[in-house]
Amino acid sequence: MSGGAEDDFGAFVAARATTLLRVAHLACGDRAEAEDLLQTALERTYRNWHKVRHDSPEPYVRRVIVNTAISRARRRAILRMIPMRALPDTPARSDDVDLREVLMDALRALPPRQRAVVVLRYWEDLSEHQTAQVLGCAVGTVKSQCSKALAKLRTALGEESVEGVIGHGRA
């Protein structure tokens, strides 16, 4: 990569890393995994910088984050189906549960694609069309996945909580 292109990439990362880390964290629900997701996305973006730098590179990075999160979630689901000799240790839950933790638990319980739609639509405030572009699917798919996700969140959190959280997320 030439010096100018490398400088452009560095400037992009410096300007958008915090936002992209937030997207990654919301997509996977774990800070350490979010850092890994972002690192993977930035590495793939760096390799293709000559193609994406002239367009808006942020949607490309978001798409890599979401696709990688979905892929990792599928891999973990498959590994859960494989029997183990001994059960893994599970961390103890904190008794001090605030709304953020409850919401993160509810988001983690969503299937990866639905979680991605909720994160992109309500945290990133993307339109249905923009979300469809990031996910590489039809607008109708975004609408149906969003509807299903919100129904699951309403069931898990209660109607008033979901509307309050979504209202604050858009503000």
C-alpha atoms as a PDB file:
ATOM      1  CA  MET A   1       0.000   0.000   0.000  1.00  0.00           C
ATOM      2  CA  SER A   2       1.311   3.459  -0.861  1.00  0.00           C
ATOM      3  CA  GLY A   3       2.076   6.031   1.814  1.00  0.00           C
ATOM      4  CA  GLY A   4      -0.968   8.170   0.958  1.00  0.00           C
ATOM      5  CA  ALA A   5      -3.341   5.219   1.062  1.00  0.00           C
ATOM      6  CA  GLU A   6      -1.831   4.048   4.338  1.00  0.00           C
ATOM      7  CA  ASP A   7      -2.280   7.538   5.788  1.00  0.00           C
ATOM      8  CA  ASP A   8      -5.910   7.555   4.601  1.00  0.00           C
ATOM      9  CA  PHE A   9      -6.515   4.219   6.310  1.00  0.00           C
ATOM     10  CA  GLY A  10      -4.893   5.461   9.527  1.00  0.00           C
ATOM     11  CA  ALA A  11      -7.032   8.591   9.487  1.00  0.00           C
ATOM     12  CA  PHE A  12     -10.176   6.525   8.910  1.00  0.00           C
ATOM     13  CA  VAL A  13      -9.371   4.218  11.826  1.00  0.00           C
ATOM     14  CA  ALA A  14      -8.554   7.164  14.103  1.00  0.00           C
ATOM     15  CA  ALA A  15     -11.828   8.876  13.233  1.00  0.00           C
ATOM     16  CA  ARG A  16     -14.213   5.891  13.338  1.00  0.00           C
ATOM     17  CA  ALA A  17     -12.670   3.270  15.644  1.00  0.00           C
ATOM     18  CA  THR A  18     -14.808   4.140  18.683  1.00  0.00           C
ATOM     19  CA  THR A  19     -18.055   3.986  16.713  1.00  0.00           C
ATOM     20  CA  LEU A  20     -17.049   0.753  15.020  1.00  0.00           C
ATOM     21  CA  LEU A  21     -16.060  -0.793  18.357  1.00  0.00           C
ATOM     22  CA  ARG A  22     -19.520   0.070  19.691  1.00  0.00           C
ATOM     23  CA  VAL A  23     -21.121  -1.657  16.682  1.00  0.00           C
ATOM     24  CA  ALA A  24     -18.945  -4.715  17.263  1.00  0.00           C
ATOM     25  CA  HIS A  25     -19.771  -4.787  20.982  1.00  0.00           C
ATOM     26  CA  LEU A  26     -23.488  -4.575  20.313  1.00  0.00           C
ATOM     27  CA  ALA A  27     -23.236  -7.218  17.588  1.00  0.00           C
ATOM     28  CA  CYS A  28     -21.579  -9.794  19.842  1.00  0.00           C
ATOM     29  CA  GLY A  29     -22.326  -8.639  23.393  1.00  0.00           C
ATOM     30  CA  ASP A  30     -18.797  -9.069  24.750  1.00  0.00           C
ATOM     31  CA  ARG A  31     -16.106  -6.368  25.010  1.00  0.00           C
ATOM     32  CA  ALA A  32     -13.127  -8.654  24.361  1.00  0.00           C
ATOM     33  CA  GLU A  33     -14.818 -10.378  21.436  1.00  0.00           C
ATOM     34  CA  ALA A  34     -15.842  -6.966  20.078  1.00  0.00           C
ATOM     35  CA  GLU A  35     -12.204  -5.903  20.033  1.00  0.00           C
ATOM     36  CA  ASP A  36     -11.340  -9.095  18.131  1.00  0.00           C
ATOM     37  CA  LEU A  37     -14.205  -8.488  15.698  1.00  0.00           C
ATOM     38  CA  LEU A  38     -13.061  -4.939  15.046  1.00  0.00           C
ATOM     39  CA  GLN A  39      -9.464  -6.074  14.596  1.00  0.00           C
ATOM     40  CA  THR A  40     -10.571  -8.690  12.061  1.00  0.00           C
ATOM     41  CA  ALA A  41     -12.757  -6.175  10.226  1.00  0.00           C
ATOM     42  CA  LEU A  42      -9.981  -3.579  10.060  1.00  0.00           C
ATOM     43  CA  GLU A  43      -7.484  -6.178   8.850  1.00  0.00           C
ATOM     44  CA  ARG A  44      -9.818  -7.229   6.035  1.00  0.00           C
ATOM     45  CA  THR A  45     -10.529  -3.594   5.205  1.00  0.00           C
ATOM     46  CA  TYR A  46      -6.801  -2.825   5.088  1.00  0.00           C
ATOM     47  CA  ARG A  47      -6.266  -5.655   2.601  1.00  0.00           C
ATOM     48  CA  ASN A  48      -9.047  -4.241   0.377  1.00  0.00           C
ATOM     49  CA  TRP A  49      -8.413  -0.550   1.068  1.00  0.00           C
ATOM     50  CA  HIS A  50      -7.585   0.144  -2.575  1.00  0.00           C
ATOM     51  CA  LYS A  51     -11.179  -0.889  -3.449  1.00  0.00           C
ATOM     52  CA  VAL A  52     -13.143   0.632  -0.571  1.00  0.00           C
ATOM     53  CA  ARG A  53     -11.328   3.875   0.231  1.00  0.00           C
ATOM     54  CA  HIS A  54     -12.927   5.839  -2.593  1.00  0.00           C
ATOM     55  CA  ASP A  55     -16.429   4.804  -1.564  1.00  0.00           C
ATOM     56  CA  SER A  56     -17.580   5.183   2.002  1.00  0.00           C
ATOM     57  CA  PRO A  57     -15.482   2.594   3.869  1.00  0.00           C
ATOM     58  CA  GLU A  58     -17.586   2.583   7.061  1.00  0.00           C
ATOM     59  CA  PRO A  59     -20.487   0.523   5.634  1.00  0.00           C
ATOM     60  CA  TYR A  60     -17.934  -1.993   4.357  1.00  0.00           C
ATOM     61  CA  VAL A  61     -16.373  -2.316   7.824  1.00  0.00           C
ATOM     62  CA  ARG A  62     -19.817  -2.617   9.454  1.00  0.00           C
ATOM     63  CA  ARG A  63     -20.714  -5.398   7.055  1.00  0.00           C
ATOM     64  CA  VAL A  64     -17.506  -7.272   7.853  1.00  0.00           C
ATOM     65  CA  ILE A  65     -18.197  -6.851  11.598  1.00  0.00           C
ATOM     66  CA  VAL A  66     -21.770  -8.128  11.305  1.00  0.00           C
ATOM     67  CA  ASN A  67     -20.894 -11.023   8.992  1.00  0.00           C
ATOM     68  CA  THR A  68     -17.996 -12.089  11.209  1.00  0.00           C
ATOM     69  CA  ALA A  69     -20.180 -11.877  14.343  1.00  0.00           C
ATOM     70  CA  ILE A  70     -22.853 -14.026  12.683  1.00  0.00           C
ATOM     71  CA  SER A  71     -20.256 -16.534  11.507  1.00  0.00           C
ATOM     72  CA  ARG A  72     -18.706 -16.802  14.981  1.00  0.00           C
ATOM     73  CA  ALA A  73     -22.137 -17.206  16.595  1.00  0.00           C
ATOM     74  CA  ARG A  74     -22.932 -20.053  14.213  1.00  0.00           C
ATOM     75  CA  ARG A  75     -19.606 -21.694  14.975  1.00  0.00           C
ATOM     76  CA  ARG A  76     -20.251 -21.429  18.739  1.00  0.00           C
ATOM     77  CA  ALA A  77     -23.750 -22.894  18.277  1.00  0.00           C
ATOM     78  CA  ILE A  78     -22.291 -25.875  16.454  1.00  0.00           C
ATOM     79  CA  LEU A  79     -19.660 -26.352  19.161  1.00  0.00           C
ATOM     80  CA  ARG A  80     -22.422 -26.344  21.802  1.00  0.00           C
ATOM     81  CA  MET A  81     -24.046 -29.281  20.029  1.00  0.00           C
ATOM     82  CA  ILE A  82     -20.866 -31.343  20.200  1.00  0.00           C
ATOM     83  CA  PRO A  83     -20.836 -33.311  23.468  1.00  0.00           C
ATOM     84  CA  MET A  84     -18.062 -32.529  25.962  1.00  0.00           C
ATOM     85  CA  ARG A  85     -16.536 -34.785  28.564  1.00  0.00           C
ATOM     86  CA  ALA A  86     -16.891 -32.194  31.319  1.00  0.00           C
ATOM     87  CA  LEU A  87     -19.135 -29.160  31.528  1.00  0.00           C
ATOM     88  CA  PRO A  88     -17.294 -25.827  31.307  1.00  0.00           C
ATOM     89  CA  ASP A  89     -17.289 -23.482  34.281  1.00  0.00           C
ATOM     90  CA  THR A  90     -19.901 -20.766  33.990  1.00  0.00           C
ATOM     91  CA  PRO A  91     -19.289 -17.336  35.467  1.00  0.00           C
ATOM     92  CA  ALA A  92     -21.485 -16.248  38.358  1.00  0.00           C
ATOM     93  CA  ARG A  93     -23.998 -13.510  37.554  1.00  0.00           C
ATOM     94  CA  SER A  94     -23.921 -10.267  39.445  1.00  0.00           C
ATOM     95  CA  ASP A  95     -26.879  -9.515  41.700  1.00  0.00           C
ATOM     96  CA  ASP A  96     -26.665  -5.854  40.692  1.00  0.00           C
ATOM     97  CA  VAL A  97     -28.456  -5.932  37.329  1.00  0.00           C
ATOM     98  CA  ASP A  98     -29.168  -2.619  35.635  1.00  0.00           C
ATOM     99  CA  LEU A  99     -31.137  -1.935  32.495  1.00  0.00           C
ATOM    100  CA  ARG A 100     -28.044  -2.049  30.308  1.00  0.00           C
ATOM    101  CA  GLU A 101     -27.189  -5.566  31.462  1.00  0.00           C
ATOM    102  CA  VAL A 102     -30.770  -6.720  31.074  1.00  0.00           C
ATOM    103  CA  LEU A 103     -30.851  -5.277  27.564  1.00  0.00           C
ATOM    104  CA  MET A 104     -27.495  -6.835  26.648  1.00  0.00           C
ATOM    105  CA  ASP A 105     -28.749 -10.212  27.891  1.00  0.00           C
ATOM    106  CA  ALA A 106     -31.899  -9.821  25.811  1.00  0.00           C
ATOM    107  CA  LEU A 107     -29.805  -8.852  22.755  1.00  0.00           C
ATOM    108  CA  ARG A 108     -27.510 -11.847  23.262  1.00  0.00           C
ATOM    109  CA  ALA A 109     -30.565 -14.099  23.308  1.00  0.00           C
ATOM    110  CA  LEU A 110     -31.586 -12.935  19.823  1.00  0.00           C
ATOM    111  CA  PRO A 111     -30.383 -14.902  16.803  1.00  0.00           C
ATOM    112  CA  PRO A 112     -27.315 -13.215  15.248  1.00  0.00           C
ATOM    113  CA  ARG A 113     -29.150 -11.847  12.196  1.00  0.00           C
ATOM    114  CA  GLN A 114     -31.931 -10.308  14.299  1.00  0.00           C
ATOM    115  CA  ARG A 115     -29.369  -8.837  16.697  1.00  0.00           C
ATOM    116  CA  ALA A 116     -27.507  -7.311  13.759  1.00  0.00           C
ATOM    117  CA  VAL A 117     -30.702  -5.717  12.438  1.00  0.00           C
ATOM    118  CA  VAL A 118     -31.572  -4.218  15.838  1.00  0.00           C
ATOM    119  CA  VAL A 119     -28.042  -2.878  16.335  1.00  0.00           C
ATOM    120  CA  LEU A 120     -27.841  -1.337  12.875  1.00  0.00           C
ATOM    121  CA  ARG A 121     -31.391   0.087  12.889  1.00  0.00           C
ATOM    122  CA  TYR A 122     -31.613   1.421  16.436  1.00  0.00           C
ATOM    123  CA  TRP A 123     -28.083   1.961  17.729  1.00  0.00           C
ATOM    124  CA  GLU A 124     -26.478   3.001  14.473  1.00  0.00           C
ATOM    125  CA  ASP A 125     -29.721   4.698  13.328  1.00  0.00           C
ATOM    126  CA  LEU A 126     -29.444   3.330   9.797  1.00  0.00           C
ATOM    127  CA  SER A 127     -32.481   3.289   7.541  1.00  0.00           C
ATOM    128  CA  GLU A 128     -34.025  -0.002   6.463  1.00  0.00           C
ATOM    129  CA  HIS A 129     -32.377   0.424   3.060  1.00  0.00           C
ATOM    130  CA  GLN A 130     -28.933   1.123   4.571  1.00  0.00           C
ATOM    131  CA  THR A 131     -29.296  -1.837   6.931  1.00  0.00           C
ATOM    132  CA  ALA A 132     -30.222  -4.075   3.995  1.00  0.00           C
ATOM    133  CA  GLN A 133     -27.097  -2.899   2.151  1.00  0.00           C
ATOM    134  CA  VAL A 134     -24.837  -3.614   5.126  1.00  0.00           C
ATOM    135  CA  LEU A 135     -26.334  -7.076   5.611  1.00  0.00           C
ATOM    136  CA  GLY A 136     -26.542  -7.839   1.896  1.00  0.00           C
ATOM    137  CA  CYS A 137     -30.231  -8.695   1.981  1.00  0.00           C
ATOM    138  CA  ALA A 138     -33.588  -7.304   0.862  1.00  0.00           C
ATOM    139  CA  VAL A 139     -35.358  -4.469   2.680  1.00  0.00           C
ATOM    140  CA  GLY A 140     -38.242  -6.870   3.348  1.00  0.00           C
ATOM    141  CA  THR A 141     -35.844  -9.187   5.184  1.00  0.00           C
ATOM    142  CA  VAL A 142     -34.706  -6.298   7.367  1.00  0.00           C
ATOM    143  CA  LYS A 143     -38.339  -5.444   8.152  1.00  0.00           C
ATOM    144  CA  SER A 144     -39.284  -9.024   9.042  1.00  0.00           C
ATOM    145  CA  GLN A 145     -36.134  -9.655  11.102  1.00  0.00           C
ATOM    146  CA  CYS A 146     -36.664  -6.366  12.940  1.00  0.00           C
ATOM    147  CA  SER A 147     -40.298  -7.205  13.654  1.00  0.00           C
ATOM    148  CA  LYS A 148     -39.383 -10.645  15.007  1.00  0.00           C
ATOM    149  CA  ALA A 149     -36.523  -9.228  17.093  1.00  0.00           C
ATOM    150  CA  LEU A 150     -38.684  -6.509  18.636  1.00  0.00           C
ATOM    151  CA  ALA A 151     -41.381  -9.061  19.450  1.00  0.00           C
ATOM    152  CA  LYS A 152     -38.790 -11.206  21.259  1.00  0.00           C
ATOM    153  CA  LEU A 153     -37.420  -8.175  23.097  1.00  0.00           C
ATOM    154  CA  ARG A 154     -40.933  -7.123  24.132  1.00  0.00           C
ATOM    155  CA  THR A 155     -41.551 -10.594  25.492  1.00  0.00           C
ATOM    156  CA  ALA A 156     -38.239 -10.641  27.362  1.00  0.00           C
ATOM    157  CA  LEU A 157     -38.303  -7.069  28.676  1.00  0.00           C
ATOM    158  CA  GLY A 158     -41.913  -5.977  28.613  1.00  0.00           C
ATOM    159  CA  GLU A 159     -43.550  -3.563  26.171  1.00  0.00           C
ATOM    160  CA  GLU A 160     -42.770  -0.334  28.094  1.00  0.00           C
ATOM    161  CA  SER A 161     -39.086  -1.166  28.563  1.00  0.00           C
ATOM    162  CA  VAL A 162     -38.499  -1.866  24.866  1.00  0.00           C
ATOM    163  CA  GLU A 163     -40.215   1.321  23.731  1.00  0.00           C
ATOM    164  CA  GLY A 164     -38.267   3.347  26.314  1.00  0.00           C
ATOM    165  CA  VAL A 165     -34.934   1.851  25.314  1.00  0.00           C
ATOM    166  CA  ILE A 166     -35.578   2.283  21.606  1.00  0.00           C
ATOM    167  CA  GLY A 167     -36.736   5.849  22.165  1.00  0.00           C
ATOM    168  CA  HIS A 168     -33.517   6.656  24.048  1.00  0.00           C
ATOM    169  CA  GLY A 169     -31.413   4.874  21.400  1.00  0.00           C
ATOM    170  CA  ARG A 170     -32.760   7.165  18.686  1.00  0.00           C
ATOM    171  CA  ALA A 171     -32.374  10.359  20.691  1.00  0.00           C
END
